[in-house]
Amino acid sequence: MDGRLPAHLEISALIRQVEVEGGFAVVVRKGEREAGTILVILTENGQNSRAYERMPQLDGTRSWHCAIRRDPENIEDFSDYLERRGTQDPDLWIVELDIAHGERFIGLPLEND
């Protein structure tokens, strides 16, 4: 048995946590309900957007890492990346969390920008 929480439940929990703390969260793209992969876009008042994905580690675990940051000089790269990931993985969920210090919702330490 896989110890992973079904994707739709994990997404629902993230959304609920963010909303309880006064933020905004939305599903941008729905993936496979049970075993879909999750990409989380973190943003703060629509600024400083970054996309996090879980990546397999050598020890068999999966941990979050920042896949891309929105460059204010070239915002198309960010959108292109999200579109490309959706094409590569039809099971992919994309959820956007708009709240200060969003890394805490995926278990990461706060960023020092």
PDB file of N, CA and C in Angstrom:
ATOM      1  N   MET A   1       0.837  -1.192   0.000  1.00  0.00           N
ATOM      2  CA  MET A   1       0.000   0.000   0.000  1.00  0.00           C
ATOM      3  C   MET A   1       0.877   1.250   0.000  1.00  0.00           C
ATOM      4  N   ASP A   2       0.519   2.204  -0.826  1.00  0.00           N
ATOM      5  CA  ASP A   2       1.229   3.477  -0.913  1.00  0.00           C
ATOM      6  C   ASP A   2       0.787   4.366   0.247  1.00  0.00           C
ATOM      7  N   GLY A   3       1.749   4.979   0.939  1.00  0.00           N
ATOM      8  CA  GLY A   3       1.445   5.826   2.082  1.00  0.00           C
ATOM      9  C   GLY A   3       1.067   7.254   1.716  1.00  0.00           C
ATOM     10  N   ARG A   4       0.980   7.527   0.418  1.00  0.00           N
ATOM     11  CA  ARG A   4       0.654   8.886  -0.014  1.00  0.00           C
ATOM     12  C   ARG A   4      -0.820   9.203   0.188  1.00  0.00           C
ATOM     13  N   LEU A   5      -1.049  10.431   0.570  1.00  0.00           N
ATOM     14  CA  LEU A   5      -2.413  10.948   0.665  1.00  0.00           C
ATOM     15  C   LEU A   5      -2.929  11.175  -0.751  1.00  0.00           C
ATOM     16  N   PRO A   6      -4.177  10.816  -1.058  1.00  0.00           N
ATOM     17  CA  PRO A   6      -4.711  11.083  -2.401  1.00  0.00           C
ATOM     18  C   PRO A   6      -4.572  12.569  -2.739  1.00  0.00           C
ATOM     19  N   ALA A   7      -4.240  12.834  -3.992  1.00  0.00           N
ATOM     20  CA  ALA A   7      -3.960  14.204  -4.436  1.00  0.00           C
ATOM     21  C   ALA A   7      -5.106  15.161  -4.123  1.00  0.00           C
ATOM     22  N   HIS A   8      -6.342  14.743  -4.392  1.00  0.00           N
ATOM     23  CA  HIS A   8      -7.464  15.659  -4.176  1.00  0.00           C
ATOM     24  C   HIS A   8      -7.623  16.029  -2.700  1.00  0.00           C
ATOM     25  N   LEU A   9      -7.283  15.121  -1.797  1.00  0.00           N
ATOM     26  CA  LEU A   9      -7.363  15.433  -0.363  1.00  0.00           C
ATOM     27  C   LEU A   9      -6.242  16.379   0.060  1.00  0.00           C
ATOM     28  N   GLU A  10      -5.050  16.154  -0.470  1.00  0.00           N
ATOM     29  CA  GLU A  10      -3.943  17.043  -0.144  1.00  0.00           C
ATOM     30  C   GLU A  10      -4.214  18.461  -0.646  1.00  0.00           C
ATOM     31  N   ILE A  11      -4.747  18.570  -1.852  1.00  0.00           N
ATOM     32  CA  ILE A  11      -5.088  19.878  -2.421  1.00  0.00           C
ATOM     33  C   ILE A  11      -6.168  20.554  -1.566  1.00  0.00           C
ATOM     34  N   SER A  12      -7.200  19.814  -1.201  1.00  0.00           N
ATOM     35  CA  SER A  12      -8.274  20.374  -0.369  1.00  0.00           C
ATOM     36  C   SER A  12      -7.739  20.878   0.965  1.00  0.00           C
ATOM     37  N   ALA A  13      -6.834  20.118   1.560  1.00  0.00           N
ATOM     38  CA  ALA A  13      -6.254  20.530   2.840  1.00  0.00           C
ATOM     39  C   ALA A  13      -5.420  21.799   2.689  1.00  0.00           C
ATOM     40  N   LEU A  14      -4.629  21.880   1.632  1.00  0.00           N
ATOM     41  CA  LEU A  14      -3.836  23.091   1.393  1.00  0.00           C
ATOM     42  C   LEU A  14      -4.735  24.311   1.243  1.00  0.00           C
ATOM     43  N   ILE A  15      -5.761  24.169   0.436  1.00  0.00           N
ATOM     44  CA  ILE A  15      -6.691  25.277   0.203  1.00  0.00           C
ATOM     45  C   ILE A  15      -7.344  25.719   1.510  1.00  0.00           C
ATOM     46  N   ARG A  16      -7.795  24.758   2.284  1.00  0.00           N
ATOM     47  CA  ARG A  16      -8.457  25.083   3.553  1.00  0.00           C
ATOM     48  C   ARG A  16      -7.506  25.794   4.511  1.00  0.00           C
ATOM     49  N   GLN A  17      -6.268  25.298   4.623  1.00  0.00           N
ATOM     50  CA  GLN A  17      -5.293  25.921   5.520  1.00  0.00           C
ATOM     51  C   GLN A  17      -5.022  27.372   5.128  1.00  0.00           C
ATOM     52  N   VAL A  18      -4.830  27.605   3.836  1.00  0.00           N
ATOM     53  CA  VAL A  18      -4.536  28.959   3.358  1.00  0.00           C
ATOM     54  C   VAL A  18      -5.717  29.885   3.616  1.00  0.00           C
ATOM     55  N   GLU A  19      -6.924  29.414   3.330  1.00  0.00           N
ATOM     56  CA  GLU A  19      -8.105  30.250   3.536  1.00  0.00           C
ATOM     57  C   GLU A  19      -8.327  30.561   5.008  1.00  0.00           C
ATOM     58  N   VAL A  20      -8.082  29.597   5.889  1.00  0.00           N
ATOM     59  CA  VAL A  20      -8.228  29.825   7.323  1.00  0.00           C
ATOM     60  C   VAL A  20      -7.287  30.928   7.790  1.00  0.00           C
ATOM     61  N   GLU A  21      -6.111  31.014   7.175  1.00  0.00           N
ATOM     62  CA  GLU A  21      -5.130  32.031   7.561  1.00  0.00           C
ATOM     63  C   GLU A  21      -5.295  33.337   6.788  1.00  0.00           C
ATOM     64  N   GLY A  22      -6.393  33.473   6.036  1.00  0.00           N
ATOM     65  CA  GLY A  22      -6.690  34.731   5.369  1.00  0.00           C
ATOM     66  C   GLY A  22      -6.155  34.876   3.967  1.00  0.00           C
ATOM     67  N   GLY A  23      -5.618  33.808   3.412  1.00  0.00           N
ATOM     68  CA  GLY A  23      -5.094  33.854   2.051  1.00  0.00           C
ATOM     69  C   GLY A  23      -6.121  33.397   1.032  1.00  0.00           C
ATOM     70  N   PHE A  24      -5.689  33.324  -0.199  1.00  0.00           N
ATOM     71  CA  PHE A  24      -6.537  32.894  -1.310  1.00  0.00           C
ATOM     72  C   PHE A  24      -5.872  31.695  -1.965  1.00  0.00           C
ATOM     73  N   ALA A  25      -6.671  30.707  -2.327  1.00  0.00           N
ATOM     74  CA  ALA A  25      -6.135  29.518  -2.990  1.00  0.00           C
ATOM     75  C   ALA A  25      -7.112  29.072  -4.062  1.00  0.00           C
ATOM     76  N   VAL A  26      -6.551  28.564  -5.163  1.00  0.00           N
ATOM     77  CA  VAL A  26      -7.385  28.128  -6.271  1.00  0.00           C
ATOM     78  C   VAL A  26      -6.700  26.980  -7.012  1.00  0.00           C
ATOM     79  N   VAL A  27      -7.514  26.035  -7.460  1.00  0.00           N
ATOM     80  CA  VAL A  27      -7.015  24.973  -8.321  1.00  0.00           C
ATOM     81  C   VAL A  27      -6.950  25.535  -9.733  1.00  0.00           C
ATOM     82  N   VAL A  28      -5.770  25.551 -10.302  1.00  0.00           N
ATOM     83  CA  VAL A  28      -5.552  26.058 -11.650  1.00  0.00           C
ATOM     84  C   VAL A  28      -5.777  24.951 -12.665  1.00  0.00           C
ATOM     85  N   ARG A  29      -5.403  23.724 -12.283  1.00  0.00           N
ATOM     86  CA  ARG A  29      -5.531  22.569 -13.183  1.00  0.00           C
ATOM     87  C   ARG A  29      -5.777  21.332 -12.345  1.00  0.00           C
ATOM     88  N   LYS A  30      -6.793  20.567 -12.723  1.00  0.00           N
ATOM     89  CA  LYS A  30      -7.084  19.313 -12.027  1.00  0.00           C
ATOM     90  C   LYS A  30      -6.363  18.167 -12.712  1.00  0.00           C
ATOM     91  N   GLY A  31      -5.784  17.318 -11.866  1.00  0.00           N
ATOM     92  CA  GLY A  31      -5.095  16.133 -12.356  1.00  0.00           C
ATOM     93  C   GLY A  31      -5.828  14.878 -11.926  1.00  0.00           C
ATOM     94  N   GLU A  32      -5.107  13.787 -11.886  1.00  0.00           N
ATOM     95  CA  GLU A  32      -5.674  12.504 -11.479  1.00  0.00           C
ATOM     96  C   GLU A  32      -6.044  12.571 -10.000  1.00  0.00           C
ATOM     97  N   ARG A  33      -7.268  12.212  -9.701  1.00  0.00           N
ATOM     98  CA  ARG A  33      -7.847  12.389  -8.369  1.00  0.00           C
ATOM     99  C   ARG A  33      -7.059  11.707  -7.254  1.00  0.00           C
ATOM    100  N   GLU A  34      -6.626  10.505  -7.464  1.00  0.00           N
ATOM    101  CA  GLU A  34      -5.981   9.736  -6.394  1.00  0.00           C
ATOM    102  C   GLU A  34      -4.457   9.878  -6.392  1.00  0.00           C
ATOM    103  N   ALA A  35      -3.838   9.684  -7.545  1.00  0.00           N
ATOM    104  CA  ALA A  35      -2.380   9.582  -7.577  1.00  0.00           C
ATOM    105  C   ALA A  35      -1.706  10.680  -8.385  1.00  0.00           C
ATOM    106  N   GLY A  36      -2.405  11.749  -8.674  1.00  0.00           N
ATOM    107  CA  GLY A  36      -1.809  12.822  -9.462  1.00  0.00           C
ATOM    108  C   GLY A  36      -0.662  13.505  -8.741  1.00  0.00           C
ATOM    109  N   THR A  37       0.256  14.028  -9.518  1.00  0.00           N
ATOM    110  CA  THR A  37       1.344  14.816  -8.944  1.00  0.00           C
ATOM    111  C   THR A  37       0.847  16.239  -8.714  1.00  0.00           C
ATOM    112  N   ILE A  38       1.541  16.954  -7.848  1.00  0.00           N
ATOM    113  CA  ILE A  38       1.083  18.292  -7.456  1.00  0.00           C
ATOM    114  C   ILE A  38       2.192  19.309  -7.693  1.00  0.00           C
ATOM    115  N   LEU A  39       1.822  20.405  -8.329  1.00  0.00           N
ATOM    116  CA  LEU A  39       2.687  21.562  -8.485  1.00  0.00           C
ATOM    117  C   LEU A  39       1.998  22.697  -7.747  1.00  0.00           C
ATOM    118  N   VAL A  40       2.723  23.351  -6.854  1.00  0.00           N
ATOM    119  CA  VAL A  40       2.162  24.439  -6.052  1.00  0.00           C
ATOM    120  C   VAL A  40       2.808  25.755  -6.475  1.00  0.00           C
ATOM    121  N   ILE A  41       1.973  26.705  -6.863  1.00  0.00           N
ATOM    122  CA  ILE A  41       2.444  28.055  -7.153  1.00  0.00           C
ATOM    123  C   ILE A  41       2.240  28.873  -5.889  1.00  0.00           C
ATOM    124  N   LEU A  42       3.308  29.464  -5.399  1.00  0.00           N
ATOM    125  CA  LEU A  42       3.232  30.332  -4.229  1.00  0.00           C
ATOM    126  C   LEU A  42       3.407  31.766  -4.697  1.00  0.00           C
ATOM    127  N   THR A  43       2.555  32.638  -4.218  1.00  0.00           N
ATOM    128  CA  THR A  43       2.619  34.044  -4.582  1.00  0.00           C
ATOM    129  C   THR A  43       2.166  34.873  -3.391  1.00  0.00           C
ATOM    130  N   GLU A  44       2.547  36.127  -3.378  1.00  0.00           N
ATOM    131  CA  GLU A  44       2.175  37.037  -2.294  1.00  0.00           C
ATOM    132  C   GLU A  44       1.563  38.286  -2.907  1.00  0.00           C
ATOM    133  N   ASN A  45       0.264  38.418  -2.782  1.00  0.00           N
ATOM    134  CA  ASN A  45      -0.466  39.520  -3.403  1.00  0.00           C
ATOM    135  C   ASN A  45      -0.194  39.599  -4.904  1.00  0.00           C
ATOM    136  N   GLY A  46      -0.141  38.427  -5.531  1.00  0.00           N
ATOM    137  CA  GLY A  46       0.079  38.353  -6.971  1.00  0.00           C
ATOM    138  C   GLY A  46       1.507  38.631  -7.404  1.00  0.00           C
ATOM    139  N   GLN A  47       2.430  38.761  -6.475  1.00  0.00           N
ATOM    140  CA  GLN A  47       3.834  39.062  -6.772  1.00  0.00           C
ATOM    141  C   GLN A  47       4.732  37.926  -6.297  1.00  0.00           C
ATOM    142  N   ASN A  48       5.972  37.953  -6.773  1.00  0.00           N
ATOM    143  CA  ASN A  48       6.981  37.002  -6.310  1.00  0.00           C
ATOM    144  C   ASN A  48       6.542  35.544  -6.499  1.00  0.00           C
ATOM    145  N   SER A  49       5.985  35.229  -7.642  1.00  0.00           N
ATOM    146  CA  SER A  49       5.485  33.872  -7.899  1.00  0.00           C
ATOM    147  C   SER A  49       6.629  32.889  -8.095  1.00  0.00           C
ATOM    148  N   ARG A  50       6.437  31.700  -7.512  1.00  0.00           N
ATOM    149  CA  ARG A  50       7.380  30.617  -7.680  1.00  0.00           C
ATOM    150  C   ARG A  50       6.615  29.307  -7.667  1.00  0.00           C
ATOM    151  N   ALA A  51       7.110  28.343  -8.437  1.00  0.00           N
ATOM    152  CA  ALA A  51       6.437  27.046  -8.560  1.00  0.00           C
ATOM    153  C   ALA A  51       7.287  25.974  -7.895  1.00  0.00           C
ATOM    154  N   TYR A  52       6.643  25.202  -7.040  1.00  0.00           N
ATOM    155  CA  TYR A  52       7.313  24.117  -6.322  1.00  0.00           C
ATOM    156  C   TYR A  52       6.747  22.774  -6.760  1.00  0.00           C
ATOM    157  N   GLU A  53       7.646  21.812  -6.917  1.00  0.00           N
ATOM    158  CA  GLU A  53       7.255  20.438  -7.229  1.00  0.00           C
ATOM    159  C   GLU A  53       8.008  19.499  -6.304  1.00  0.00           C
ATOM    160  N   ARG A  54       7.421  18.337  -6.072  1.00  0.00           N
ATOM    161  CA  ARG A  54       8.113  17.307  -5.300  1.00  0.00           C
ATOM    162  C   ARG A  54       8.980  16.504  -6.259  1.00  0.00           C
ATOM    163  N   MET A  55      10.212  16.307  -5.851  1.00  0.00           N
ATOM    164  CA  MET A  55      11.142  15.541  -6.675  1.00  0.00           C
ATOM    165  C   MET A  55      11.650  14.338  -5.888  1.00  0.00           C
ATOM    166  N   PRO A  56      11.799  13.201  -6.571  1.00  0.00           N
ATOM    167  CA  PRO A  56      12.334  12.016  -5.899  1.00  0.00           C
ATOM    168  C   PRO A  56      13.781  12.249  -5.448  1.00  0.00           C
ATOM    169  N   GLN A  57      14.091  11.740  -4.279  1.00  0.00           N
ATOM    170  CA  GLN A  57      15.434  11.849  -3.726  1.00  0.00           C
ATOM    171  C   GLN A  57      16.100  10.470  -3.770  1.00  0.00           C
ATOM    172  N   LEU A  58      17.393  10.448  -3.565  1.00  0.00           N
ATOM    173  CA  LEU A  58      18.139   9.191  -3.611  1.00  0.00           C
ATOM    174  C   LEU A  58      17.672   8.188  -2.558  1.00  0.00           C
ATOM    175  N   ASP A  59      17.170   8.680  -1.438  1.00  0.00           N
ATOM    176  CA  ASP A  59      16.731   7.775  -0.364  1.00  0.00           C
ATOM    177  C   ASP A  59      15.298   7.276  -0.556  1.00  0.00           C
ATOM    178  N   GLY A  60      14.689   7.627  -1.700  1.00  0.00           N
ATOM    179  CA  GLY A  60      13.332   7.158  -1.992  1.00  0.00           C
ATOM    180  C   GLY A  60      12.234   8.110  -1.557  1.00  0.00           C
ATOM    181  N   THR A  61      12.574   9.133  -0.803  1.00  0.00           N
ATOM    182  CA  THR A  61      11.582  10.124  -0.393  1.00  0.00           C
ATOM    183  C   THR A  61      11.363  11.120  -1.516  1.00  0.00           C
ATOM    184  N   ARG A  62      10.388  11.963  -1.332  1.00  0.00           N
ATOM    185  CA  ARG A  62      10.111  13.021  -2.302  1.00  0.00           C
ATOM    186  C   ARG A  62      10.044  14.327  -1.532  1.00  0.00           C
ATOM    187  N   SER A  63      10.811  15.329  -1.968  1.00  0.00           N
ATOM    188  CA  SER A  63      10.799  16.605  -1.261  1.00  0.00           C
ATOM    189  C   SER A  63      10.541  17.748  -2.238  1.00  0.00           C
ATOM    190  N   TRP A  64      10.016  18.835  -1.697  1.00  0.00           N
ATOM    191  CA  TRP A  64       9.671  20.007  -2.488  1.00  0.00           C
ATOM    192  C   TRP A  64      10.916  20.759  -2.895  1.00  0.00           C
ATOM    193  N   HIS A  65      10.923  21.233  -4.124  1.00  0.00           N
ATOM    194  CA  HIS A  65      11.983  22.142  -4.567  1.00  0.00           C
ATOM    195  C   HIS A  65      11.375  23.165  -5.516  1.00  0.00           C
ATOM    196  N   CYS A  66      12.002  24.320  -5.565  1.00  0.00           N
ATOM    197  CA  CYS A  66      11.523  25.393  -6.434  1.00  0.00           C
ATOM    198  C   CYS A  66      11.955  25.091  -7.867  1.00  0.00           C
ATOM    199  N   ALA A  67      10.990  24.878  -8.737  1.00  0.00           N
ATOM    200  CA  ALA A  67      11.270  24.535 -10.129  1.00  0.00           C
ATOM    201  C   ALA A  67      11.509  25.783 -10.972  1.00  0.00           C
ATOM    202  N   ILE A  68      10.784  26.859 -10.685  1.00  0.00           N
ATOM    203  CA  ILE A  68      10.927  28.089 -11.465  1.00  0.00           C
ATOM    204  C   ILE A  68      10.362  29.267 -10.674  1.00  0.00           C
ATOM    205  N   ARG A  69      10.945  30.423 -10.901  1.00  0.00           N
ATOM    206  CA  ARG A  69      10.454  31.679 -10.334  1.00  0.00           C
ATOM    207  C   ARG A  69      10.021  32.574 -11.486  1.00  0.00           C
ATOM    208  N   ARG A  70       8.968  33.337 -11.270  1.00  0.00           N
ATOM    209  CA  ARG A  70       8.520  34.277 -12.302  1.00  0.00           C
ATOM    210  C   ARG A  70       9.494  35.454 -12.342  1.00  0.00           C
ATOM    211  N   ASP A  71      10.090  35.637 -13.498  1.00  0.00           N
ATOM    212  CA  ASP A  71      11.015  36.735 -13.742  1.00  0.00           C
ATOM    213  C   ASP A  71      10.209  37.932 -14.228  1.00  0.00           C
ATOM    214  N   PRO A  72      10.227  39.040 -13.496  1.00  0.00           N
ATOM    215  CA  PRO A  72       9.443  40.202 -13.926  1.00  0.00           C
ATOM    216  C   PRO A  72       9.835  40.716 -15.310  1.00  0.00           C
ATOM    217  N   GLU A  73      11.040  40.403 -15.746  1.00  0.00           N
ATOM    218  CA  GLU A  73      11.506  40.831 -17.064  1.00  0.00           C
ATOM    219  C   GLU A  73      11.024  39.900 -18.175  1.00  0.00           C
ATOM    220  N   ASN A  74      10.629  38.683 -17.810  1.00  0.00           N
ATOM    221  CA  ASN A  74      10.210  37.700 -18.814  1.00  0.00           C
ATOM    222  C   ASN A  74       9.128  36.797 -18.228  1.00  0.00           C
ATOM    223  N   ILE A  75       7.943  37.340 -18.026  1.00  0.00           N
ATOM    224  CA  ILE A  75       6.872  36.601 -17.353  1.00  0.00           C
ATOM    225  C   ILE A  75       6.347  35.431 -18.181  1.00  0.00           C
ATOM    226  N   GLU A  76       6.581  35.443 -19.484  1.00  0.00           N
ATOM    227  CA  GLU A  76       6.095  34.348 -20.335  1.00  0.00           C
ATOM    228  C   GLU A  76       6.750  33.016 -19.983  1.00  0.00           C
ATOM    229  N   ASP A  77       8.006  33.051 -19.523  1.00  0.00           N
ATOM    230  CA  ASP A  77       8.705  31.816 -19.179  1.00  0.00           C
ATOM    231  C   ASP A  77       7.952  31.024 -18.119  1.00  0.00           C
ATOM    232  N   PHE A  78       7.399  31.714 -17.144  1.00  0.00           N
ATOM    233  CA  PHE A  78       6.671  31.058 -16.063  1.00  0.00           C
ATOM    234  C   PHE A  78       5.424  30.361 -16.598  1.00  0.00           C
ATOM    235  N   SER A  79       4.637  31.074 -17.377  1.00  0.00           N
ATOM    236  CA  SER A  79       3.417  30.499 -17.973  1.00  0.00           C
ATOM    237  C   SER A  79       3.756  29.349 -18.904  1.00  0.00           C
ATOM    238  N   ASP A  80       4.817  29.522 -19.693  1.00  0.00           N
ATOM    239  CA  ASP A  80       5.237  28.459 -20.608  1.00  0.00           C
ATOM    240  C   ASP A  80       5.632  27.201 -19.843  1.00  0.00           C
ATOM    241  N   TYR A  81       6.320  27.380 -18.724  1.00  0.00           N
ATOM    242  CA  TYR A  81       6.730  26.239 -17.908  1.00  0.00           C
ATOM    243  C   TYR A  81       5.501  25.473 -17.404  1.00  0.00           C
ATOM    244  N   LEU A  82       4.522  26.199 -16.885  1.00  0.00           N
ATOM    245  CA  LEU A  82       3.317  25.553 -16.361  1.00  0.00           C
ATOM    246  C   LEU A  82       2.575  24.801 -17.467  1.00  0.00           C
ATOM    247  N   GLU A  83       2.476  25.416 -18.619  1.00  0.00           N
ATOM    248  CA  GLU A  83       1.803  24.764 -19.743  1.00  0.00           C
ATOM    249  C   GLU A  83       2.561  23.513 -20.182  1.00  0.00           C
ATOM    250  N   ARG A  84       3.871  23.630 -20.261  1.00  0.00           N
ATOM    251  CA  ARG A  84       4.698  22.487 -20.658  1.00  0.00           C
ATOM    252  C   ARG A  84       4.569  21.336 -19.658  1.00  0.00           C
ATOM    253  N   ARG A  85       4.579  21.646 -18.358  1.00  0.00           N
ATOM    254  CA  ARG A  85       4.436  20.596 -17.331  1.00  0.00           C
ATOM    255  C   ARG A  85       3.077  19.905 -17.441  1.00  0.00           C
ATOM    256  N   GLY A  86       2.038  20.685 -17.718  1.00  0.00           N
ATOM    257  CA  GLY A  86       0.715  20.090 -17.885  1.00  0.00           C
ATOM    258  C   GLY A  86       0.648  19.169 -19.086  1.00  0.00           C
ATOM    259  N   THR A  87       1.351  19.514 -20.142  1.00  0.00           N
ATOM    260  CA  THR A  87       1.394  18.669 -21.339  1.00  0.00           C
ATOM    261  C   THR A  87       2.195  17.397 -21.075  1.00  0.00           C
ATOM    262  N   GLN A  88       3.294  17.523 -20.342  1.00  0.00           N
ATOM    263  CA  GLN A  88       4.151  16.379 -20.030  1.00  0.00           C
ATOM    264  C   GLN A  88       3.477  15.384 -19.092  1.00  0.00           C
ATOM    265  N   ASP A  89       2.663  15.890 -18.185  1.00  0.00           N
ATOM    266  CA  ASP A  89       2.057  15.044 -17.151  1.00  0.00           C
ATOM    267  C   ASP A  89       0.552  15.306 -17.082  1.00  0.00           C
ATOM    268  N   PRO A  90      -0.245  14.491 -17.761  1.00  0.00           N
ATOM    269  CA  PRO A  90      -1.693  14.714 -17.748  1.00  0.00           C
ATOM    270  C   PRO A  90      -2.331  14.500 -16.368  1.00  0.00           C
ATOM    271  N   ASP A  91      -1.600  13.888 -15.440  1.00  0.00           N
ATOM    272  CA  ASP A  91      -2.115  13.666 -14.088  1.00  0.00           C
ATOM    273  C   ASP A  91      -1.816  14.830 -13.142  1.00  0.00           C
ATOM    274  N   LEU A  92      -1.130  15.848 -13.626  1.00  0.00           N
ATOM    275  CA  LEU A  92      -0.653  16.953 -12.806  1.00  0.00           C
ATOM    276  C   LEU A  92      -1.772  17.862 -12.307  1.00  0.00           C
ATOM    277  N   TRP A  93      -1.726  18.151 -11.015  1.00  0.00           N
ATOM    278  CA  TRP A  93      -2.570  19.174 -10.396  1.00  0.00           C
ATOM    279  C   TRP A  93      -1.715  20.425 -10.260  1.00  0.00           C
ATOM    280  N   ILE A  94      -2.302  21.583 -10.516  1.00  0.00           N
ATOM    281  CA  ILE A  94      -1.630  22.854 -10.236  1.00  0.00           C
ATOM    282  C   ILE A  94      -2.552  23.649  -9.322  1.00  0.00           C
ATOM    283  N   VAL A  95      -2.013  24.042  -8.175  1.00  0.00           N
ATOM    284  CA  VAL A  95      -2.777  24.837  -7.213  1.00  0.00           C
ATOM    285  C   VAL A  95      -1.970  26.089  -6.888  1.00  0.00           C
ATOM    286  N   GLU A  96      -2.660  27.223  -6.839  1.00  0.00           N
ATOM    287  CA  GLU A  96      -1.999  28.484  -6.510  1.00  0.00           C
ATOM    288  C   GLU A  96      -2.430  28.936  -5.127  1.00  0.00           C
ATOM    289  N   LEU A  97      -1.438  29.261  -4.303  1.00  0.00           N
ATOM    290  CA  LEU A  97      -1.665  29.746  -2.950  1.00  0.00           C
ATOM    291  C   LEU A  97      -1.149  31.175  -2.880  1.00  0.00           C
ATOM    292  N   ASP A  98      -2.029  32.112  -2.620  1.00  0.00           N
ATOM    293  CA  ASP A  98      -1.642  33.519  -2.526  1.00  0.00           C
ATOM    294  C   ASP A  98      -1.717  33.933  -1.068  1.00  0.00           C
ATOM    295  N   ILE A  99      -0.554  33.880  -0.422  1.00  0.00           N
ATOM    296  CA  ILE A  99      -0.457  34.181   1.002  1.00  0.00           C
ATOM    297  C   ILE A  99       1.012  34.426   1.334  1.00  0.00           C
ATOM    298  N   ALA A 100       1.262  35.259   2.302  1.00  0.00           N
ATOM    299  CA  ALA A 100       2.641  35.532   2.707  1.00  0.00           C
ATOM    300  C   ALA A 100       3.295  34.270   3.254  1.00  0.00           C
ATOM    301  N   HIS A 101       4.547  34.092   2.907  1.00  0.00           N
ATOM    302  CA  HIS A 101       5.355  32.972   3.408  1.00  0.00           C
ATOM    303  C   HIS A 101       4.691  31.621   3.117  1.00  0.00           C
ATOM    304  N   GLY A 102       4.279  31.415   1.891  1.00  0.00           N
ATOM    305  CA  GLY A 102       3.564  30.202   1.497  1.00  0.00           C
ATOM    306  C   GLY A 102       4.346  28.921   1.665  1.00  0.00           C
ATOM    307  N   GLU A 103       5.663  29.006   1.734  1.00  0.00           N
ATOM    308  CA  GLU A 103       6.480  27.793   1.887  1.00  0.00           C
ATOM    309  C   GLU A 103       6.089  26.994   3.135  1.00  0.00           C
ATOM    310  N   ARG A 104       5.624  27.679   4.155  1.00  0.00           N
ATOM    311  CA  ARG A 104       5.244  26.987   5.400  1.00  0.00           C
ATOM    312  C   ARG A 104       4.111  25.990   5.177  1.00  0.00           C
ATOM    313  N   PHE A 105       3.285  26.202   4.143  1.00  0.00           N
ATOM    314  CA  PHE A 105       2.165  25.295   3.892  1.00  0.00           C
ATOM    315  C   PHE A 105       2.584  24.000   3.215  1.00  0.00           C
ATOM    316  N   ILE A 106       3.793  23.991   2.675  1.00  0.00           N
ATOM    317  CA  ILE A 106       4.294  22.744   2.080  1.00  0.00           C
ATOM    318  C   ILE A 106       5.494  22.205   2.874  1.00  0.00           C
ATOM    319  N   GLY A 107       5.649  22.722   4.082  1.00  0.00           N
ATOM    320  CA  GLY A 107       6.652  22.182   4.990  1.00  0.00           C
ATOM    321  C   GLY A 107       8.073  22.656   4.740  1.00  0.00           C
ATOM    322  N   LEU A 108       8.237  23.808   4.089  1.00  0.00           N
ATOM    323  CA  LEU A 108       9.563  24.346   3.847  1.00  0.00           C
ATOM    324  C   LEU A 108       9.828  25.531   4.768  1.00  0.00           C
ATOM    325  N   PRO A 109      11.096  25.787   5.055  1.00  0.00           N
ATOM    326  CA  PRO A 109      11.412  26.980   5.833  1.00  0.00           C
ATOM    327  C   PRO A 109      11.108  28.228   5.017  1.00  0.00           C
ATOM    328  N   LEU A 110      10.899  29.325   5.692  1.00  0.00           N
ATOM    329  CA  LEU A 110      10.607  30.582   5.019  1.00  0.00           C
ATOM    330  C   LEU A 110      11.809  31.029   4.207  1.00  0.00           C
ATOM    331  N   GLU A 111      11.509  31.623   3.053  1.00  0.00           N
ATOM    332  CA  GLU A 111      12.570  32.131   2.189  1.00  0.00           C
ATOM    333  C   GLU A 111      13.123  33.431   2.744  1.00  0.00           C
ATOM    334  N   ASN A 112      14.381  33.690   2.474  1.00  0.00           N
ATOM    335  CA  ASN A 112      15.023  34.955   2.835  1.00  0.00           C
ATOM    336  C   ASN A 112      15.312  35.716   1.560  1.00  0.00           C
ATOM    337  N   ASP A 113      14.371  36.527   1.120  1.00  0.00           N
ATOM    338  CA  ASP A 113      14.551  37.303  -0.118  1.00  0.00           C
ATOM    339  C   ASP A 113      15.134  38.651   0.187  1.00  0.00           C
TER     340      ASP A 113
END
